[in-house]
Amino acid sequence: MKPGSLKLPQVSGRRLFRLFTRLGYKTIQQRGSHIQMKKRTRLGTHRITVVVHQTLAKGTLHDVLSRVGKNNNLSRAELLKML
């Protein structure tokens, strides 16, 4: 593991959905297992799709946390602590 990198836990889409709700994201649409959410941030309106599967793939989790962190001025480490 690289210095400064975090080992990502196994996280369900439902758990991620609850975190984003606490951060102020609102559900705008759901189709099947995909929930679209949005929030107005300092960078404009941020939209994200959460896939509510049993466990998210590590790459998917990394990407989603990076994008949400950037738009909310939070690091991935801070978001992981909030899970």
Protein backbone atom coordinates (compact mmCIF):
# COMPACT_ATOMS: atom_id res chain seq x y z
CA MET A 1 0.00 0.00 0.00
CA LYS A 2 1.28 3.49 -0.86
CA PRO A 3 2.09 5.87 1.99
CA GLY A 4 -0.90 8.11 2.68
CA SER A 5 -3.35 5.84 0.88
CA LEU A 6 -6.36 4.42 2.65
CA LYS A 7 -7.60 0.87 2.58
CA LEU A 8 -11.19 1.11 1.44
CA PRO A 9 -13.75 -0.87 3.43
CA GLN A 10 -16.55 -2.88 1.88
CA VAL A 11 -19.49 -0.50 1.68
CA SER A 12 -23.04 -1.09 0.49
CA GLY A 13 -24.78 1.37 -1.78
CA ARG A 14 -27.48 1.79 0.86
CA ARG A 15 -24.86 2.93 3.41
CA LEU A 16 -23.42 5.39 0.88
CA PHE A 17 -26.94 6.67 0.16
CA ARG A 18 -27.48 7.38 3.89
CA LEU A 19 -24.14 9.26 4.08
CA PHE A 20 -25.02 11.45 1.11
CA THR A 21 -28.45 12.17 2.61
CA ARG A 22 -26.72 13.36 5.81
CA LEU A 23 -24.48 15.59 3.65
CA GLY A 24 -27.56 17.30 2.21
CA TYR A 25 -28.06 15.43 -1.07
CA LYS A 26 -31.69 15.00 -2.14
CA THR A 27 -33.12 12.09 -4.12
CA ILE A 28 -34.37 13.26 -7.50
CA GLN A 29 -35.09 9.93 -9.19
CA GLN A 30 -34.83 6.19 -8.70
CA ARG A 31 -34.89 3.54 -11.40
CA GLY A 32 -34.34 0.01 -10.26
CA SER A 33 -31.20 -0.09 -8.13
CA HIS A 34 -29.93 3.34 -9.26
CA ILE A 35 -30.73 6.42 -7.17
CA GLN A 36 -29.94 9.85 -8.60
CA MET A 37 -29.18 12.53 -6.03
CA LYS A 38 -28.25 16.21 -6.23
CA LYS A 39 -27.02 19.02 -4.03
CA ARG A 40 -26.12 22.65 -4.61
CA THR A 41 -22.46 23.13 -3.67
CA ARG A 42 -19.88 25.89 -3.94
CA LEU A 43 -19.04 24.51 -7.40
CA GLY A 44 -22.66 24.51 -8.60
CA THR A 45 -25.21 21.72 -8.66
CA HIS A 46 -23.60 18.32 -8.09
CA ARG A 47 -25.44 15.23 -9.31
CA ILE A 48 -24.42 11.71 -8.37
CA THR A 49 -25.87 8.28 -9.02
CA VAL A 50 -25.69 5.73 -6.22
CA VAL A 51 -26.03 2.07 -7.15
CA VAL A 52 -27.75 0.26 -4.33
CA HIS A 53 -26.08 -3.15 -4.58
CA GLN A 54 -24.90 -5.39 -1.76
CA THR A 55 -21.28 -4.20 -1.90
CA LEU A 56 -19.77 -1.56 -4.18
CA ALA A 57 -16.62 -2.34 -6.15
CA LYS A 58 -13.50 -0.67 -4.70
CA GLY A 59 -12.96 1.43 -7.85
CA THR A 60 -16.56 2.64 -7.83
CA LEU A 61 -16.35 3.56 -4.15
CA HIS A 62 -13.04 5.40 -4.70
CA ASP A 63 -14.48 7.39 -7.62
CA VAL A 64 -17.73 8.31 -5.86
CA LEU A 65 -15.96 9.39 -2.65
CA SER A 66 -13.46 11.48 -4.62
CA ARG A 67 -16.17 13.32 -6.56
CA VAL A 68 -18.39 13.92 -3.52
CA GLY A 69 -15.38 15.01 -1.46
CA LYS A 70 -14.28 17.51 -4.11
CA ASN A 71 -17.75 19.06 -4.29
CA ASN A 72 -18.15 19.23 -0.50
CA ASN A 73 -14.61 20.26 0.42
CA LEU A 74 -14.01 16.96 2.28
CA SER A 75 -11.23 14.41 1.90
CA ARG A 76 -11.88 10.74 1.23
CA ALA A 77 -10.55 10.03 4.74
CA GLU A 78 -13.13 12.39 6.26
CA LEU A 79 -15.92 10.78 4.25
CA LEU A 80 -14.79 7.29 5.29
CA LYS A 81 -14.89 8.33 8.96
CA MET A 82 -18.46 9.53 8.45
CA LEU A 83 -19.55 6.13 7.13
